[in-house]
PDB file of N, CA and C in Angstrom:
ATOM      1  N   MET A   1     118.316  98.023  86.775  1.00  0.00           N
ATOM      2  CA  MET A   1     117.701  98.948  86.458  1.00  0.00           C
ATOM      3  C   MET A   1     117.448 100.071  87.397  1.00  0.00           C
ATOM      4  N   ASP A   2     118.066 101.202  87.552  1.00  0.00           N
ATOM      5  CA  ASP A   2     117.992 102.170  88.514  1.00  0.00           C
ATOM      6  C   ASP A   2     116.569 102.269  89.368  1.00  0.00           C
ATOM      7  N   GLN A   3     117.186 103.386  90.293  1.00  0.00           N
ATOM      8  CA  GLN A   3     115.873 103.058  91.332  1.00  0.00           C
ATOM      9  C   GLN A   3     115.020 104.229  90.907  1.00  0.00           C
ATOM     10  N   GLU A   4     115.384 104.986  90.091  1.00  0.00           N
ATOM     11  CA  GLU A   4     114.707 106.148  89.401  1.00  0.00           C
ATOM     12  C   GLU A   4     113.570 105.917  88.113  1.00  0.00           C
ATOM     13  N   THR A   5     114.139 105.057  87.532  1.00  0.00           N
ATOM     14  CA  THR A   5     113.686 104.312  86.086  1.00  0.00           C
ATOM     15  C   THR A   5     112.575 103.157  86.938  1.00  0.00           C
ATOM     16  N   LYS A   6     112.430 102.550  87.871  1.00  0.00           N
ATOM     17  CA  LYS A   6     111.637 101.805  88.560  1.00  0.00           C
ATOM     18  C   LYS A   6     110.504 102.156  89.165  1.00  0.00           C
ATOM     19  N   LYS A   7     110.904 104.079  89.874  1.00  0.00           N
ATOM     20  CA  LYS A   7     109.811 104.569  90.160  1.00  0.00           C
ATOM     21  C   LYS A   7     108.864 105.589  89.041  1.00  0.00           C
ATOM     22  N   LEU A   8     109.892 105.702  87.852  1.00  0.00           N
ATOM     23  CA  LEU A   8     109.253 106.334  86.935  1.00  0.00           C
ATOM     24  C   LEU A   8     108.023 105.110  85.685  1.00  0.00           C
ATOM     25  N   MET A   9     108.235 103.915  85.935  1.00  0.00           N
ATOM     26  CA  MET A   9     107.564 102.853  85.438  1.00  0.00           C
ATOM     27  C   MET A   9     106.620 102.924  86.611  1.00  0.00           C
ATOM     28  N   PHE A  10     106.724 102.980  87.603  1.00  0.00           N
ATOM     29  CA  PHE A  10     105.149 102.632  88.235  1.00  0.00           C
ATOM     30  C   PHE A  10     104.584 103.673  88.757  1.00  0.00           C
ATOM     31  N   THR A  11     105.328 104.785  88.172  1.00  0.00           N
ATOM     32  CA  THR A  11     104.142 105.809  88.517  1.00  0.00           C
ATOM     33  C   THR A  11     103.188 106.037  87.132  1.00  0.00           C
ATOM     34  N   ASN A  12     104.172 105.517  86.030  1.00  0.00           N
ATOM     35  CA  ASN A  12     103.455 105.800  84.623  1.00  0.00           C
ATOM     36  C   ASN A  12     102.224 104.512  84.300  1.00  0.00           C
ATOM     37  N   LEU A  13     102.267 103.118  85.315  1.00  0.00           N
ATOM     38  CA  LEU A  13     101.508 102.434  85.556  1.00  0.00           C
ATOM     39  C   LEU A  13     100.092 102.776  86.188  1.00  0.00           C
ATOM     40  N   LEU A  14     100.630 103.503  87.375  1.00  0.00           N
ATOM     41  CA  LEU A  14      99.275 103.744  88.394  1.00  0.00           C
ATOM     42  C   LEU A  14      98.587 104.952  87.293  1.00  0.00           C
ATOM     43  N   ASN A  15      99.655 105.845  86.767  1.00  0.00           N
ATOM     44  CA  ASN A  15      98.492 106.803  85.860  1.00  0.00           C
ATOM     45  C   ASN A  15      97.539 106.760  84.891  1.00  0.00           C
ATOM     46  N   GLY A  16      97.912 105.005  84.060  1.00  0.00           N
ATOM     47  CA  GLY A  16      97.398 105.219  83.010  1.00  0.00           C
ATOM     48  C   GLY A  16      97.649 104.070  81.841  1.00  0.00           C
ATOM     49  N   VAL A  17      99.164 104.360  82.309  1.00  0.00           N
ATOM     50  CA  VAL A  17      99.833 103.781  80.718  1.00  0.00           C
ATOM     51  C   VAL A  17      99.668 102.543  80.632  1.00  0.00           C
ATOM     52  N   SER A  18      99.473 101.872  79.805  1.00  0.00           N
ATOM     53  CA  SER A  18      99.616 100.194  79.213  1.00  0.00           C
ATOM     54  C   SER A  18     100.603  99.367  80.062  1.00  0.00           C
ATOM     55  N   VAL A  19     100.559  98.224  80.079  1.00  0.00           N
ATOM     56  CA  VAL A  19     102.104  97.765  80.585  1.00  0.00           C
ATOM     57  C   VAL A  19     102.684  97.637  78.398  1.00  0.00           C
ATOM     58  N   GLU A  20     101.499  96.725  77.432  1.00  0.00           N
ATOM     59  CA  GLU A  20     102.469  97.413  76.412  1.00  0.00           C
ATOM     60  C   GLU A  20     103.087  98.530  75.962  1.00  0.00           C
ATOM     61  N   ARG A  21     102.763  99.719  76.651  1.00  0.00           N
ATOM     62  CA  ARG A  21     103.471 100.731  75.915  1.00  0.00           C
ATOM     63  C   ARG A  21     104.506 100.931  76.523  1.00  0.00           C
ATOM     64  N   LEU A  22     104.698 100.494  78.033  1.00  0.00           N
ATOM     65  CA  LEU A  22     105.453 100.704  78.811  1.00  0.00           C
ATOM     66  C   LEU A  22     107.025 100.024  78.425  1.00  0.00           C
ATOM     67  N   ALA A  23     106.374  98.710  77.690  1.00  0.00           N
ATOM     68  CA  ALA A  23     107.490  97.927  77.083  1.00  0.00           C
ATOM     69  C   ALA A  23     108.308  98.121  75.833  1.00  0.00           C
ATOM     70  N   ILE A  24     107.336  98.677  75.081  1.00  0.00           N
ATOM     71  CA  ILE A  24     107.867  99.427  73.940  1.00  0.00           C
ATOM     72  C   ILE A  24     108.691 100.969  74.401  1.00  0.00           C
ATOM     73  N   ASP A  25     108.277 101.712  74.934  1.00  0.00           N
ATOM     74  CA  ASP A  25     108.877 102.720  75.666  1.00  0.00           C
ATOM     75  C   ASP A  25     110.500 102.870  76.586  1.00  0.00           C
ATOM     76  N   PHE A  26     110.645 101.149  77.419  1.00  0.00           N
ATOM     77  CA  PHE A  26     111.504 100.884  78.384  1.00  0.00           C
ATOM     78  C   PHE A  26     112.738 100.090  77.823  1.00  0.00           C
ATOM     79  N   GLU A  27     111.818  99.659  76.189  1.00  0.00           N
ATOM     80  CA  GLU A  27     112.565  97.905  75.545  1.00  0.00           C
ATOM     81  C   GLU A  27     112.811  97.159  77.069  1.00  0.00           C
ATOM     82  N   ARG A  28     111.971  96.238  77.536  1.00  0.00           N
ATOM     83  CA  ARG A  28     111.730  95.446  78.173  1.00  0.00           C
ATOM     84  C   ARG A  28     110.430  94.673  77.992  1.00  0.00           C
ATOM     85  N   SER A  29     110.233  93.662  77.868  1.00  0.00           N
ATOM     86  CA  SER A  29     109.023  92.443  78.013  1.00  0.00           C
ATOM     87  C   SER A  29     107.945  92.670  78.751  1.00  0.00           C
ATOM     88  N   PRO A  30     106.627  92.682  78.366  1.00  0.00           N
ATOM     89  CA  PRO A  30     105.450  92.652  79.441  1.00  0.00           C
ATOM     90  C   PRO A  30     105.768  91.914  80.964  1.00  0.00           C
ATOM     91  N   SER A  31     105.877  91.025  80.443  1.00  0.00           N
ATOM     92  CA  SER A  31     106.361  89.910  81.773  1.00  0.00           C
ATOM     93  C   SER A  31     107.573  90.873  82.476  1.00  0.00           C
ATOM     94  N   GLU A  32     108.128  91.829  81.968  1.00  0.00           N
ATOM     95  CA  GLU A  32     109.588  92.166  82.627  1.00  0.00           C
ATOM     96  C   GLU A  32     108.624  93.630  83.562  1.00  0.00           C
ATOM     97  N   ILE A  33     107.851  94.009  83.150  1.00  0.00           N
ATOM     98  CA  ILE A  33     107.032  95.437  83.735  1.00  0.00           C
ATOM     99  C   ILE A  33     106.184  94.758  85.069  1.00  0.00           C
ATOM    100  N   HIS A  34     105.428  93.589  84.491  1.00  0.00           N
ATOM    101  CA  HIS A  34     105.030  92.944  85.369  1.00  0.00           C
ATOM    102  C   HIS A  34     105.307  92.577  87.044  1.00  0.00           C
ATOM    103  N   GLY A  35     107.066  92.686  86.424  1.00  0.00           N
ATOM    104  CA  GLY A  35     107.632  92.043  87.348  1.00  0.00           C
ATOM    105  C   GLY A  35     108.353  93.043  88.255  1.00  0.00           C
ATOM    106  N   TYR A  36     108.510  93.912  87.342  1.00  0.00           N
ATOM    107  CA  TYR A  36     109.350  95.551  88.346  1.00  0.00           C
ATOM    108  C   TYR A  36     107.575  95.863  88.909  1.00  0.00           C
ATOM    109  N   PHE A  37     106.771  95.613  88.755  1.00  0.00           N
ATOM    110  CA  PHE A  37     105.226  96.102  89.794  1.00  0.00           C
ATOM    111  C   PHE A  37     104.898  95.281  90.812  1.00  0.00           C
ATOM    112  N   ARG A  38     105.353  94.260  90.725  1.00  0.00           N
ATOM    113  CA  ARG A  38     105.392  93.132  91.458  1.00  0.00           C
ATOM    114  C   ARG A  38     106.217  93.531  93.187  1.00  0.00           C
ATOM    115  N   ALA A  39     107.501  94.098  92.357  1.00  0.00           N
ATOM    116  CA  ALA A  39     109.065  94.000  92.973  1.00  0.00           C
ATOM    117  C   ALA A  39     108.323  95.116  93.857  1.00  0.00           C
ATOM    118  N   VAL A  40     107.660  96.363  92.927  1.00  0.00           N
ATOM    119  CA  VAL A  40     107.756  97.450  93.883  1.00  0.00           C
ATOM    120  C   VAL A  40     106.790  97.146  94.651  1.00  0.00           C
ATOM    121  N   THR A  41     106.071  96.648  94.473  1.00  0.00           N
ATOM    122  CA  THR A  41     104.345  96.645  95.351  1.00  0.00           C
ATOM    123  C   THR A  41     104.642  96.149  96.749  1.00  0.00           C
ATOM    124  N   LEU A  42     105.821  95.098  96.383  1.00  0.00           N
ATOM    125  CA  LEU A  42     106.290  93.778  97.640  1.00  0.00           C
ATOM    126  C   LEU A  42     107.143  95.020  98.621  1.00  0.00           C
ATOM    127  N   LYS A  43     107.475  96.313  98.152  1.00  0.00           N
ATOM    128  CA  LYS A  43     108.729  96.984  98.867  1.00  0.00           C
ATOM    129  C   LYS A  43     107.650  97.622  99.738  1.00  0.00           C
ATOM    130  N   ILE A  44     106.766  98.522  99.086  1.00  0.00           N
ATOM    131  CA  ILE A  44     105.878  98.878  99.919  1.00  0.00           C
ATOM    132  C   ILE A  44     104.896  98.329 100.789  1.00  0.00           C
ATOM    133  N   ARG A  45     104.945  97.256 100.628  1.00  0.00           N
ATOM    134  CA  ARG A  45     104.081  96.346 101.328  1.00  0.00           C
ATOM    135  C   ARG A  45     104.792  96.464 102.993  1.00  0.00           C
ATOM    136  N   SER A  46     105.644  95.769 102.837  1.00  0.00           N
ATOM    137  CA  SER A  46     107.156  95.465 103.263  1.00  0.00           C
ATOM    138  C   SER A  46     107.051  96.980 104.289  1.00  0.00           C
ATOM    139  N   TYR A  47     107.137  98.151 103.809  1.00  0.00           N
ATOM    140  CA  TYR A  47     107.358  99.571 104.127  1.00  0.00           C
ATOM    141  C   TYR A  47     106.501  99.482 104.961  1.00  0.00           C
ATOM    142  N   CYS A  48     104.965  99.580 104.747  1.00  0.00           N
ATOM    143  CA  CYS A  48     103.683  99.713 105.868  1.00  0.00           C
ATOM    144  C   CYS A  48     103.902  98.816 106.892  1.00  0.00           C
ATOM    145  N   PHE A  49     104.300  97.798 106.931  1.00  0.00           N
ATOM    146  CA  PHE A  49     104.200  96.098 107.631  1.00  0.00           C
ATOM    147  C   PHE A  49     105.185  96.740 108.583  1.00  0.00           C
ATOM    148  N   ILE A  50     106.536  97.467 108.583  1.00  0.00           N
ATOM    149  CA  ILE A  50     107.645  97.410 109.505  1.00  0.00           C
ATOM    150  C   ILE A  50     107.194  98.919 110.079  1.00  0.00           C
ATOM    151  N   ARG A  51     106.081  99.610 109.891  1.00  0.00           N
ATOM    152  CA  ARG A  51     106.001 100.776 110.465  1.00  0.00           C
ATOM    153  C   ARG A  51     104.590 100.879 111.010  1.00  0.00           C
ATOM    154  N   ASN A  52     103.720  99.563 110.740  1.00  0.00           N
ATOM    155  CA  ASN A  52     102.297  99.399 111.780  1.00  0.00           C
ATOM    156  C   ASN A  52     101.487 100.307 110.764  1.00  0.00           C
ATOM    157  N   MET A  53     101.392 100.361 109.521  1.00  0.00           N
ATOM    158  CA  MET A  53     100.812 101.653 108.575  1.00  0.00           C
ATOM    159  C   MET A  53      99.599 100.796 107.625  1.00  0.00           C
ATOM    160  N   PRO A  54      98.544 101.384 107.738  1.00  0.00           N
ATOM    161  CA  PRO A  54      97.318 100.090 107.382  1.00  0.00           C
ATOM    162  C   PRO A  54      97.439  99.823 105.650  1.00  0.00           C
ATOM    163  N   PHE A  55      97.528  98.552 105.817  1.00  0.00           N
ATOM    164  CA  PHE A  55      97.460  97.872 104.658  1.00  0.00           C
ATOM    165  C   PHE A  55      96.638  98.594 103.075  1.00  0.00           C
ATOM    166  N   ILE A  56      97.740  98.518 102.074  1.00  0.00           N
ATOM    167  CA  ILE A  56      97.054  99.774 100.628  1.00  0.00           C
ATOM    168  C   ILE A  56      96.603  98.246  99.867  1.00  0.00           C
ATOM    169  N   PRO A  57      95.698  98.094  99.284  1.00  0.00           N
ATOM    170  CA  PRO A  57      95.622  96.611  98.137  1.00  0.00           C
ATOM    171  C   PRO A  57      96.311  97.275  97.114  1.00  0.00           C
ATOM    172  N   CYS A  58      96.996  96.546  96.521  1.00  0.00           N
ATOM    173  CA  CYS A  58      97.577  96.756  95.690  1.00  0.00           C
ATOM    174  C   CYS A  58      98.700  95.597  94.750  1.00  0.00           C
ATOM    175  N   GLU A  59      97.524  94.721  94.733  1.00  0.00           N
ATOM    176  CA  GLU A  59      97.682  92.868  94.292  1.00  0.00           C
ATOM    177  C   GLU A  59      97.678  93.658  92.506  1.00  0.00           C
ATOM    178  N   SER A  60      96.548  93.938  92.213  1.00  0.00           N
ATOM    179  CA  SER A  60      96.722  94.358  90.740  1.00  0.00           C
ATOM    180  C   SER A  60      96.649  95.360  90.399  1.00  0.00           C
ATOM    181  N   ILE A  61      97.405  95.374  89.120  1.00  0.00           N
ATOM    182  CA  ILE A  61      97.573  96.757  88.154  1.00  0.00           C
ATOM    183  C   ILE A  61      96.001  97.890  88.579  1.00  0.00           C
ATOM    184  N   ALA A  62      94.976  96.666  88.520  1.00  0.00           N
ATOM    185  CA  ALA A  62      93.988  97.696  88.936  1.00  0.00           C
ATOM    186  C   ALA A  62      93.389  98.204  89.947  1.00  0.00           C
ATOM    187  N   LEU A  63      94.247  97.548  91.074  1.00  0.00           N
ATOM    188  CA  LEU A  63      93.540  97.917  92.666  1.00  0.00           C
ATOM    189  C   LEU A  63      94.845  99.137  93.085  1.00  0.00           C
ATOM    190  N   ALA A  64      96.078  98.666  92.133  1.00  0.00           N
ATOM    191  CA  ALA A  64      96.825  99.738  92.701  1.00  0.00           C
ATOM    192  C   ALA A  64      96.541 101.254  91.649  1.00  0.00           C
ATOM    193  N   ARG A  65      96.062 101.271  90.999  1.00  0.00           N
ATOM    194  CA  ARG A  65      95.163 102.699  90.714  1.00  0.00           C
ATOM    195  C   ARG A  65      94.275 103.070  90.938  1.00  0.00           C
ATOM    196  N   GLN A  66      93.395 102.065  91.687  1.00  0.00           N
ATOM    197  CA  GLN A  66      92.120 102.488  92.707  1.00  0.00           C
ATOM    198  C   GLN A  66      92.886 103.522  93.989  1.00  0.00           C
ATOM    199  N   ASN A  67      93.947 102.798  94.305  1.00  0.00           N
ATOM    200  CA  ASN A  67      94.980 103.449  95.221  1.00  0.00           C
ATOM    201  C   ASN A  67      95.964 104.122  95.311  1.00  0.00           C
ATOM    202  N   ARG A  68      95.987 104.645  93.937  1.00  0.00           N
ATOM    203  CA  ARG A  68      97.330 105.316  93.589  1.00  0.00           C
ATOM    204  C   ARG A  68      97.670 106.445  94.034  1.00  0.00           C
ATOM    205  N   LEU A  69      96.949 107.584  94.897  1.00  0.00           N
ATOM    206  CA  LEU A  69      97.431 108.551  95.535  1.00  0.00           C
ATOM    207  C   LEU A  69      98.427 107.925  96.773  1.00  0.00           C
ATOM    208  N   ALA A  70      97.732 107.106  97.538  1.00  0.00           N
ATOM    209  CA  ALA A  70      98.902 106.470  98.475  1.00  0.00           C
ATOM    210  C   ALA A  70      99.675 105.934  98.186  1.00  0.00           C
ATOM    211  N   LEU A  71      99.977 104.885  97.030  1.00  0.00           N
ATOM    212  CA  LEU A  71     101.170 104.405  96.903  1.00  0.00           C
ATOM    213  C   LEU A  71     101.649 105.463  96.221  1.00  0.00           C
ATOM    214  N   LEU A  72     101.691 106.509  95.509  1.00  0.00           N
ATOM    215  CA  LEU A  72     102.766 107.541  95.073  1.00  0.00           C
ATOM    216  C   LEU A  72     103.273 108.158  96.319  1.00  0.00           C
ATOM    217  N   THR A  73     102.563 107.852  97.123  1.00  0.00           N
ATOM    218  CA  THR A  73     102.901 109.169  98.442  1.00  0.00           C
ATOM    219  C   THR A  73     104.112 108.085  99.034  1.00  0.00           C
ATOM    220  N   LEU A  74     103.901 106.735  99.051  1.00  0.00           N
ATOM    221  CA  LEU A  74     105.004 106.076  99.839  1.00  0.00           C
ATOM    222  C   LEU A  74     106.043 105.570  99.277  1.00  0.00           C
ATOM    223  N   LEU A  75     105.844 105.976  97.324  1.00  0.00           N
ATOM    224  CA  LEU A  75     107.371 105.379  96.518  1.00  0.00           C
ATOM    225  C   LEU A  75     108.609 106.381  96.792  1.00  0.00           C
ATOM    226  N   ASP A  76     108.686 107.060  97.460  1.00  0.00           N
ATOM    227  CA  ASP A  76     109.573 107.787  97.676  1.00  0.00           C
ATOM    228  C   ASP A  76     110.196 107.751  98.637  1.00  0.00           C
ATOM    229  N   LYS A  77     109.634 107.129  99.824  1.00  0.00           N
ATOM    230  CA  LYS A  77     110.182 106.906 100.830  1.00  0.00           C
ATOM    231  C   LYS A  77     110.634 105.596 101.000  1.00  0.00           C
ATOM    232  N   VAL A  78     110.264 104.173 100.096  1.00  0.00           N
ATOM    233  CA  VAL A  78     111.054 103.142  99.967  1.00  0.00           C
ATOM    234  C   VAL A  78     112.525 103.389  99.359  1.00  0.00           C
ATOM    235  N   ASN A  79     113.883 102.066  99.527  1.00  0.00           N
ATOM    236  CA  ASN A  79     114.612 102.279  98.832  1.00  0.00           C
ATOM    237  C   ASN A  79     114.512 100.557  97.807  1.00  0.00           C
ATOM    238  N   LEU A  80     113.860 101.233  97.119  1.00  0.00           N
ATOM    239  CA  LEU A  80     113.621 100.059  95.760  1.00  0.00           C
ATOM    240  C   LEU A  80     114.838  99.240  95.235  1.00  0.00           C
ATOM    241  N   ASN A  81     115.928  99.880  95.600  1.00  0.00           N
ATOM    242  CA  ASN A  81     117.281  98.908  95.413  1.00  0.00           C
ATOM    243  C   ASN A  81     117.775  98.108  96.317  1.00  0.00           C
ATOM    244  N   LYS A  82     116.926  97.841  96.999  1.00  0.00           N
ATOM    245  CA  LYS A  82     116.779  96.963  98.172  1.00  0.00           C
ATOM    246  C   LYS A  82     116.000  95.963  98.188  1.00  0.00           C
ATOM    247  N   ALA A  83     116.111  94.603  98.142  1.00  0.00           N
ATOM    248  CA  ALA A  83     115.197  93.174  98.428  1.00  0.00           C
ATOM    249  C   ALA A  83     114.379  93.681  99.757  1.00  0.00           C
ATOM    250  N   ALA A  84     112.881  93.481  99.520  1.00  0.00           N
ATOM    251  CA  ALA A  84     111.716  93.997 100.507  1.00  0.00           C
ATOM    252  C   ALA A  84     112.220  93.110 101.870  1.00  0.00           C
ATOM    253  N   ASP A  85     111.943  93.446 102.833  1.00  0.00           N
ATOM    254  CA  ASP A  85     112.165  93.003 104.032  1.00  0.00           C
ATOM    255  C   ASP A  85     111.029  91.570 104.660  1.00  0.00           C
ATOM    256  N   TYR A  86     109.885  91.550 103.850  1.00  0.00           N
ATOM    257  CA  TYR A  86     109.010  90.724 104.332  1.00  0.00           C
ATOM    258  C   TYR A  86     107.770  91.305 102.987  1.00  0.00           C
ATOM    259  N   SER A  87     108.326  89.849 102.192  1.00  0.00           N
ATOM    260  CA  SER A  87     107.713  89.537 100.969  1.00  0.00           C
ATOM    261  C   SER A  87     106.847  88.813 100.986  1.00  0.00           C
ATOM    262  N   ARG A  88     105.959  87.824 101.358  1.00  0.00           N
ATOM    263  CA  ARG A  88     104.948  87.296 101.735  1.00  0.00           C
ATOM    264  C   ARG A  88     103.934  87.639 102.604  1.00  0.00           C
ATOM    265  N   ILE A  89     103.462  89.135 102.708  1.00  0.00           N
ATOM    266  CA  ILE A  89     102.443  89.674 103.088  1.00  0.00           C
ATOM    267  C   ILE A  89     101.487  89.988 102.366  1.00  0.00           C
ATOM    268  N   THR A  90     100.470  89.811 102.779  1.00  0.00           N
ATOM    269  CA  THR A  90      98.998  89.181 102.590  1.00  0.00           C
ATOM    270  C   THR A  90      98.151  89.830 102.949  1.00  0.00           C
ATOM    271  N   THR A  91      98.150  90.120 104.806  1.00  0.00           N
ATOM    272  CA  THR A  91      97.157  90.678 105.407  1.00  0.00           C
ATOM    273  C   THR A  91      97.872  91.010 106.279  1.00  0.00           C
ATOM    274  N   ARG A  92      97.025  91.653 107.683  1.00  0.00           N
ATOM    275  CA  ARG A  92      98.111  92.401 108.654  1.00  0.00           C
ATOM    276  C   ARG A  92      97.487  91.592 109.839  1.00  0.00           C
ATOM    277  N   GLU A  93      96.598  90.506 109.627  1.00  0.00           N
ATOM    278  CA  GLU A  93      96.476  89.274 110.777  1.00  0.00           C
ATOM    279  C   GLU A  93      97.777  88.132 110.819  1.00  0.00           C
ATOM    280  N   VAL A  94      97.942  88.331 111.980  1.00  0.00           N
ATOM    281  CA  VAL A  94      98.764  87.601 112.329  1.00  0.00           C
ATOM    282  C   VAL A  94      98.520  86.227 113.334  1.00  0.00           C
ATOM    283  N   LYS A  95      97.987  84.951 113.280  1.00  0.00           N
ATOM    284  CA  LYS A  95      97.507  84.035 114.324  1.00  0.00           C
ATOM    285  C   LYS A  95      98.597  83.932 115.308  1.00  0.00           C
ATOM    286  N   ASP A  96     100.034  83.259 114.744  1.00  0.00           N
ATOM    287  CA  ASP A  96     100.588  82.738 115.210  1.00  0.00           C
ATOM    288  C   ASP A  96     102.200  83.262 114.674  1.00  0.00           C
ATOM    289  N   ILE A  97     103.155  83.722 115.456  1.00  0.00           N
ATOM    290  CA  ILE A  97     104.652  84.656 115.226  1.00  0.00           C
ATOM    291  C   ILE A  97     105.564  83.361 113.957  1.00  0.00           C
ATOM    292  N   ALA A  98     104.729  82.248 114.533  1.00  0.00           N
ATOM    293  CA  ALA A  98     105.328  81.012 113.213  1.00  0.00           C
ATOM    294  C   ALA A  98     105.143  81.469 111.827  1.00  0.00           C
ATOM    295  N   ASP A  99     104.065  82.026 111.652  1.00  0.00           N
ATOM    296  CA  ASP A  99     103.756  81.650 110.662  1.00  0.00           C
ATOM    297  C   ASP A  99     104.473  82.566 109.231  1.00  0.00           C
ATOM    298  N   ILE A 100     105.308  83.258 110.360  1.00  0.00           N
ATOM    299  CA  ILE A 100     105.947  85.127 109.779  1.00  0.00           C
ATOM    300  C   ILE A 100     107.367  84.361 109.269  1.00  0.00           C
ATOM    301  N   ARG A 101     107.086  84.922 107.726  1.00  0.00           N
ATOM    302  CA  ARG A 101     108.492  84.505 107.229  1.00  0.00           C
ATOM    303  C   ARG A 101     109.315  85.451 106.232  1.00  0.00           C
ATOM    304  N   CYS A 102     110.420  85.340 106.500  1.00  0.00           N
ATOM    305  CA  CYS A 102     111.115  86.724 105.938  1.00  0.00           C
ATOM    306  C   CYS A 102     111.645  86.321 104.409  1.00  0.00           C
TER     307      CYS A 102
END
């Protein structure tokens, strides 16, 4: 799936369109829609981590909708065709450098 389609799906999710409606419109399963959502949020988290930007809560669609403006602002800055550099980011606190895994 191309980058523009992923951005469109993510934007629609944040603007209140249901997963079921997106699944019908994009001819995907609801689990695929959730997978794309997770991939985009991981990419945004990685982008923020690398640039030492504030962590934006987006673990669920409901949290992402609450932080919609910040996420949509960053959406155009990330390359969705490339895998996330850091995919296991859950907090900004690092106790030991050995805890960081790519």
